[in-house]
Structures are given as C-alpha cells and as structure tokens.
C-alpha cells in the first residue's frame, strides 16, 4: 500500500517540478477500498493503481514509524499522538490509542502482539487487535534510542549509551544476552536475515559483527571519517552494507571494505 501511494503521488510530476509536500490524494471513487490481485513486482509496477486510503480520525500528524504484520495484512504506525493499526484487507482500523513515549513499534511473529519501545528503553506489549496494553518490561536502562528487530523470531536488540547491547525474546519477555560491545554509545544495530549475526556501530568509530548468542565477535571494521547511519546484511549474511551521509560501503567479513 505504501508503494502504491508513493507511486501514485509521483506519477505526474517531473524531478524539477515535484512539490516538497504533495497534496494528499483524494479517496478513490466508487468502492472505498479494494485489494490487489497480484503482488507488486518490477515487471508490473508500471500498471499499479490506487486502491484505497487509510484515514485516522481527527489527527493531522506525520506517521514517523510503522510496521507490517508478518503476513502483510495489517499495519501499525506511530505519530506524535497515537499508536494506530489497520486491517489492510478492508482498510478499516483495528484501533487507535495514545502513543505515550513510544518511538518504535514491531509485530510479534504470530501477529497477536505489538511491541512498542519508548525513548527510555521500556518495551510495552499491546494486544494487536484491540490496542490494550498487556505487559511492560525495562529492556535497556541506558537506552541510546537504537534498536534492531528480527521479525521471524521476535528478538529485539537495544543499544546503550554505555556501549552495551541487550537482546530480548519479546514473546517470552526474557532477556537473552548482554554484550559489552563498544567503549562508547551504540549508534546503529542490524540483524542478519537468519538472526544469527548482529552488527553494531558505535560513536567510538568501530563497526563490529557478533555471533550474539555466544557473545563472540566475528570481525571489526574501522571506517575512516565515517558516521554510520544505516546498516543491512546481504541475504546470505556474508556482507554488510553501511551507509553514511555521503557514501556507501560494502564490507565482506575478513576482507578490505569497498
């Protein structure tokens, strides 16, 4: 749905004429909401059409964080006031509730729960259909506002201002490991696709890859004059892409980054 909206918004504008904040599209005429027939691919992306619009009630604010359910049939999002969730098969909302201090939200692997992480490192657990809060736990007392989530397992990694990383099993509300990873605050975290490896970047200038379950460091990279903003593993877990404000680096473990 996000791809559909973005594609529809940009279809009539040239790079030099595109407004910075395009007007919100009007709702489709006729049936208010329809579902797509086939998944979007590179081959059919030019033929996509506008299927519907999600309208929160009486709140005008930017949605700054969102998560799709594992089966892509539900969407949860955060704005300055609300935690909201929609059924993407019908376009109807599941619930709207107060955001509190949440900054990130994730679906549980079985789609029954939502995990909201606050700016203080507390994780609140919500019923994914009703929005009622079910539980809460203090996931990292020295939280640096840095997380990574492995959707298949529900593992949540949180980086600390003290250079530590804590990994939780969110469904069991159980702390799995604490890693003394860096000498200064964690700035970025990323899980490999299979969840066995965890990459961490720090303001101390190092990037490290961990076998996090055994707390063993696999490799270390010290990029020159690079403030790492984003990281992602290759699908096979053998390489790590790192993005800065001006450059992109590709690191194959044990070899010189390119």
Protein backbone atom coordinates (compact mmCIF):
# COMPACT_ATOMS: atom_id res chain seq x y z
CA UNK A 1 0.00 0.00 0.00
CA UNK A 2 2.82 2.41 0.79
CA UNK A 3 4.39 1.63 -2.57
CA UNK A 4 1.06 2.26 -4.25
CA UNK A 5 0.57 5.63 -2.60
CA UNK A 6 4.11 6.80 -3.34
CA UNK A 7 3.89 5.70 -6.95
CA UNK A 8 0.55 7.42 -7.40
CA UNK A 9 1.79 10.64 -5.81
CA UNK A 10 4.81 10.88 -8.08
CA UNK A 11 3.33 9.74 -11.37
CA UNK A 12 2.54 13.21 -12.81
CA UNK A 13 5.49 15.25 -11.52
CA UNK A 14 8.91 15.80 -13.05
CA UNK A 15 12.04 15.91 -10.83
CA UNK A 16 12.27 19.70 -11.18
CA UNK A 17 8.56 20.36 -10.61
CA UNK A 18 7.73 17.91 -7.80
CA UNK A 19 6.46 19.75 -4.71
CA UNK A 20 8.23 19.08 -1.44
CA UNK A 21 4.95 18.08 0.25
CA UNK A 22 2.47 16.83 -2.38
CA UNK A 23 -1.23 17.19 -1.57
CA UNK A 24 -2.93 14.14 -0.10
CA UNK A 25 -4.72 12.14 -2.79
CA UNK A 26 -8.48 12.10 -2.69
CA UNK A 27 -10.15 8.80 -1.88
CA UNK A 28 -10.94 6.58 -4.87
CA UNK A 29 -14.40 6.95 -6.36
CA UNK A 30 -16.85 4.08 -6.10
CA UNK A 31 -15.79 1.35 -3.72
CA UNK A 32 -13.76 2.89 -0.89
CA UNK A 33 -11.26 0.06 -0.60
CA UNK A 34 -10.16 -2.79 -2.85
CA UNK A 35 -7.35 -5.32 -2.60
CA UNK A 36 -4.71 -6.01 -5.21
CA UNK A 37 -4.91 -9.05 -7.46
CA UNK A 38 -1.20 -9.91 -7.55
CA UNK A 39 1.95 -8.88 -5.65
CA UNK A 40 3.84 -5.84 -6.95
CA UNK A 41 6.95 -6.76 -8.95
CA UNK A 42 9.44 -4.90 -11.12
CA UNK A 43 7.61 -6.24 -14.15
CA UNK A 44 4.13 -4.97 -13.23
CA UNK A 45 4.93 -1.88 -11.14
CA UNK A 46 4.04 0.44 -14.06
CA UNK A 47 0.46 -0.83 -14.01
CA UNK A 48 -0.32 -0.39 -10.31
CA UNK A 49 -3.39 1.57 -9.37
CA UNK A 50 -4.64 3.46 -6.35
CA UNK A 51 -6.64 1.01 -4.20
CA UNK A 52 -7.57 2.98 -1.10
CA UNK A 53 -6.54 5.35 1.66
CA UNK A 54 -6.08 4.92 5.42
CA UNK A 55 -7.63 7.85 7.29
CA UNK A 56 -7.01 8.27 11.04
CA UNK A 57 -9.77 10.22 12.84
CA UNK A 58 -9.29 13.90 13.65
CA UNK A 59 -5.49 13.83 13.94
CA UNK A 60 -3.22 15.62 11.49
CA UNK A 61 0.34 14.47 12.17
CA UNK A 62 3.24 12.73 10.45
CA UNK A 63 3.44 8.95 10.89
CA UNK A 64 7.10 8.55 11.82
CA UNK A 65 7.37 4.79 12.43
CA UNK A 66 5.43 1.81 11.12
CA UNK A 67 5.50 -1.99 10.92
CA UNK A 68 3.74 -4.55 8.74
CA UNK A 69 2.45 -7.80 10.20
CA UNK A 70 4.37 -10.94 9.12
CA UNK A 71 1.67 -11.80 6.57
CA UNK A 72 1.42 -8.16 5.35
CA UNK A 73 -2.32 -7.98 6.13
CA UNK A 74 -2.06 -5.43 8.96
CA UNK A 75 -0.22 -2.17 9.51
CA UNK A 76 0.66 -0.46 12.80
CA UNK A 77 2.08 3.06 12.97
CA UNK A 78 3.08 5.86 15.35
CA UNK A 79 2.51 9.58 15.11
CA UNK A 80 3.04 12.27 17.72
CA UNK A 81 -0.23 11.37 19.48
CA UNK A 82 -1.26 7.86 18.53
CA UNK A 83 -0.44 4.21 18.13
CA UNK A 84 -2.77 3.02 15.38
CA UNK A 85 -3.40 -0.21 13.49
CA UNK A 86 -5.33 -1.02 10.30
CA UNK A 87 -6.61 -4.13 8.56
CA UNK A 88 -5.06 -3.92 5.07
CA UNK A 89 -7.61 -6.34 3.61
CA UNK A 90 -10.51 -3.99 4.34
CA UNK A 91 -8.88 -0.62 5.04
CA UNK A 92 -10.68 -0.43 8.39
CA UNK A 93 -8.86 0.43 11.63
CA UNK A 94 -8.30 -2.15 14.33
CA UNK A 95 -7.73 0.53 16.98
CA UNK A 96 -6.34 3.93 17.87
CA UNK A 97 -4.73 4.53 21.26
CA UNK A 98 -2.37 7.00 22.91
CA UNK A 99 1.28 6.82 21.85
CA UNK A 100 2.81 7.76 25.18
CA UNK A 101 6.57 7.90 24.64
CA UNK A 102 6.81 5.15 22.01
CA UNK A 103 9.40 5.66 19.27
CA UNK A 104 9.38 2.22 17.59
CA UNK A 105 6.73 -0.45 17.09
CA UNK A 106 7.04 -4.08 15.93
CA UNK A 107 4.68 -7.03 15.33
CA UNK A 108 5.20 -10.35 17.08
CA UNK A 109 5.98 -13.29 14.75
CA UNK A 110 2.44 -14.68 15.23
CA UNK A 111 0.76 -11.26 14.67
CA UNK A 112 -1.05 -11.35 18.05
CA UNK A 113 1.07 -8.71 19.83
CA UNK A 114 2.68 -5.34 19.20
CA UNK A 115 5.89 -4.29 20.92
CA UNK A 116 6.33 -0.55 21.45
CA UNK A 117 9.73 0.72 22.56
CA UNK A 118 9.83 4.02 24.47
CA UNK A 119 12.58 6.63 24.46
CA UNK A 120 13.55 5.37 27.94
CA UNK A 121 14.18 1.81 26.77
CA UNK A 122 10.94 0.40 28.17
CA UNK A 123 9.04 -2.08 25.98
CA UNK A 124 5.24 -2.01 26.20
CA UNK A 125 3.30 -5.05 24.94
CA UNK A 126 -0.10 -4.48 23.27
CA UNK A 127 -2.85 -6.74 22.00
CA UNK A 128 -2.55 -6.36 18.21
CA UNK A 129 -6.33 -6.39 17.64
CA UNK A 130 -7.57 -4.16 20.47
CA UNK A 131 -4.57 -1.99 21.38
CA UNK A 132 -4.95 -2.79 25.09
CA UNK A 133 -1.64 -2.84 26.97
CA UNK A 134 -0.84 -6.32 28.26
CA UNK A 135 2.61 -6.07 29.79
CA UNK A 136 5.76 -3.95 30.07
CA UNK A 137 9.44 -4.57 30.76
CA UNK A 138 12.54 -2.40 31.11
CA UNK A 139 14.57 -3.59 28.13
CA UNK A 140 17.62 -1.30 28.50
CA UNK A 141 18.15 1.15 31.39
CA UNK A 142 20.85 3.07 29.46
CA UNK A 143 18.98 3.16 26.14
CA UNK A 144 20.64 5.06 23.27
CA UNK A 145 17.40 5.10 21.19
CA UNK A 146 18.83 2.41 18.87
CA UNK A 147 17.06 -0.87 18.10
CA UNK A 148 17.03 -3.81 15.69
CA UNK A 149 14.24 -6.38 15.43
CA UNK A 150 14.29 -9.87 13.93
CA UNK A 151 10.72 -10.37 12.75
CA UNK A 152 10.85 -14.17 12.34
CA UNK A 153 11.85 -14.82 15.96
CA UNK A 154 10.77 -11.71 17.86
CA UNK A 155 14.32 -10.98 19.01
CA UNK A 156 14.75 -7.32 19.95
CA UNK A 157 18.23 -5.77 20.26
CA UNK A 158 18.71 -2.45 22.03
CA UNK A 159 21.87 -0.36 22.08
CA UNK A 160 23.02 1.56 25.14
CA UNK A 161 24.78 4.84 25.80
CA UNK A 162 27.26 2.75 27.80
CA UNK A 163 28.27 0.67 24.74
CA UNK A 164 26.29 -2.41 25.74
CA UNK A 165 23.78 -4.34 23.65
CA UNK A 166 20.87 -6.19 25.20
CA UNK A 167 18.89 -8.79 23.23
CA UNK A 168 15.41 -9.87 24.35
CA UNK A 169 12.95 -12.59 23.42
CA UNK A 170 9.94 -10.28 23.30
CA UNK A 171 7.29 -13.01 23.22
CA UNK A 172 8.70 -14.66 26.36
CA UNK A 173 9.64 -11.27 27.95
CA UNK A 174 13.06 -12.82 28.59
CA UNK A 175 16.50 -11.19 28.46
CA UNK A 176 18.80 -13.39 26.37
CA UNK A 177 22.23 -11.71 26.44
CA UNK A 178 24.07 -8.53 27.35
CA UNK A 179 27.16 -7.79 25.25
CA UNK A 180 29.84 -5.27 26.25
CA UNK A 181 30.19 -4.31 22.61
CA UNK A 182 31.86 -0.88 22.43
CA UNK A 183 33.65 1.71 24.53
CA UNK A 184 31.07 4.40 23.71
CA UNK A 185 27.38 4.66 22.79
CA UNK A 186 25.81 2.38 20.19
CA UNK A 187 24.63 4.29 17.11
CA UNK A 188 23.24 1.59 14.74
CA UNK A 189 22.24 -2.10 15.04
CA UNK A 190 21.25 -4.69 12.41
CA UNK A 191 20.36 -8.40 12.47
CA UNK A 192 21.35 -10.76 9.67
CA UNK A 193 18.44 -12.33 7.78
CA UNK A 194 18.73 -15.63 9.68
CA UNK A 195 19.15 -13.82 13.01
CA UNK A 196 22.44 -15.49 13.93
CA UNK A 197 24.57 -12.37 13.49
CA UNK A 198 24.22 -8.88 14.86
CA UNK A 199 26.13 -5.86 13.56
CA UNK A 200 26.79 -2.86 15.77
CA UNK A 201 28.21 0.58 15.03
CA UNK A 202 29.34 3.00 17.71
CA UNK A 203 30.37 6.61 18.06
CA UNK A 204 33.77 5.20 19.07
CA UNK A 205 34.38 4.75 15.31
CA UNK A 206 34.12 0.95 15.11
CA UNK A 207 31.70 -1.42 13.41
CA UNK A 208 31.58 -4.97 14.75
CA UNK A 209 29.80 -8.18 13.77
CA UNK A 210 28.79 -10.60 16.52
CA UNK A 211 27.70 -14.16 16.99
CA UNK A 212 25.46 -12.60 19.58
CA UNK A 213 24.16 -15.79 21.21
CA UNK A 214 27.72 -16.75 22.25
CA UNK A 215 28.81 -13.10 22.69
CA UNK A 216 31.70 -13.75 20.29
CA UNK A 217 33.00 -11.03 17.99
CA UNK A 218 33.35 -12.24 14.38
CA UNK A 219 35.03 -9.23 12.79
CA UNK A 220 35.70 -5.50 13.19
CA UNK A 221 35.89 -2.60 10.77
CA UNK A 222 37.08 0.96 11.47
CA UNK A 223 35.91 3.19 8.59
CA UNK A 224 37.82 6.44 8.15
CA UNK A 225 35.85 9.59 8.95
CA UNK A 226 32.54 7.76 8.51
CA UNK A 227 29.48 8.44 10.62
CA UNK A 228 27.44 5.26 10.06
CA UNK A 229 23.71 5.99 9.75
CA UNK A 230 22.35 2.70 8.35
CA UNK A 231 23.43 -0.94 8.09
CA UNK A 232 21.98 -4.02 6.45
CA UNK A 233 23.24 -7.56 5.84
CA UNK A 234 23.24 -9.29 2.47
CA UNK A 235 20.66 -12.12 2.28
CA UNK A 236 23.37 -14.77 2.76
CA UNK A 237 24.83 -12.94 5.77
CA UNK A 238 28.38 -12.71 4.37
CA UNK A 239 28.45 -8.98 3.65
CA UNK A 240 27.34 -5.80 5.37
CA UNK A 241 26.27 -2.62 3.60
CA UNK A 242 26.93 0.58 5.54
CA UNK A 243 25.51 3.98 4.69
CA UNK A 244 26.83 7.37 5.78
CA UNK A 245 25.66 10.86 4.96
CA UNK A 246 27.72 10.85 1.76
CA UNK A 247 28.96 7.33 0.98
CA UNK A 248 28.02 3.67 0.91
CA UNK A 249 30.45 0.92 1.94
CA UNK A 250 30.25 -2.81 1.32
CA UNK A 251 32.10 -4.96 3.82
CA UNK A 252 32.86 -8.64 3.26
CA UNK A 253 33.99 -10.08 6.55
CA UNK A 254 37.72 -10.69 6.71
CA UNK A 255 38.38 -8.59 3.60
CA UNK A 256 39.02 -4.89 2.97
CA UNK A 257 35.73 -2.98 2.58
CA UNK A 258 35.00 -1.47 -0.86
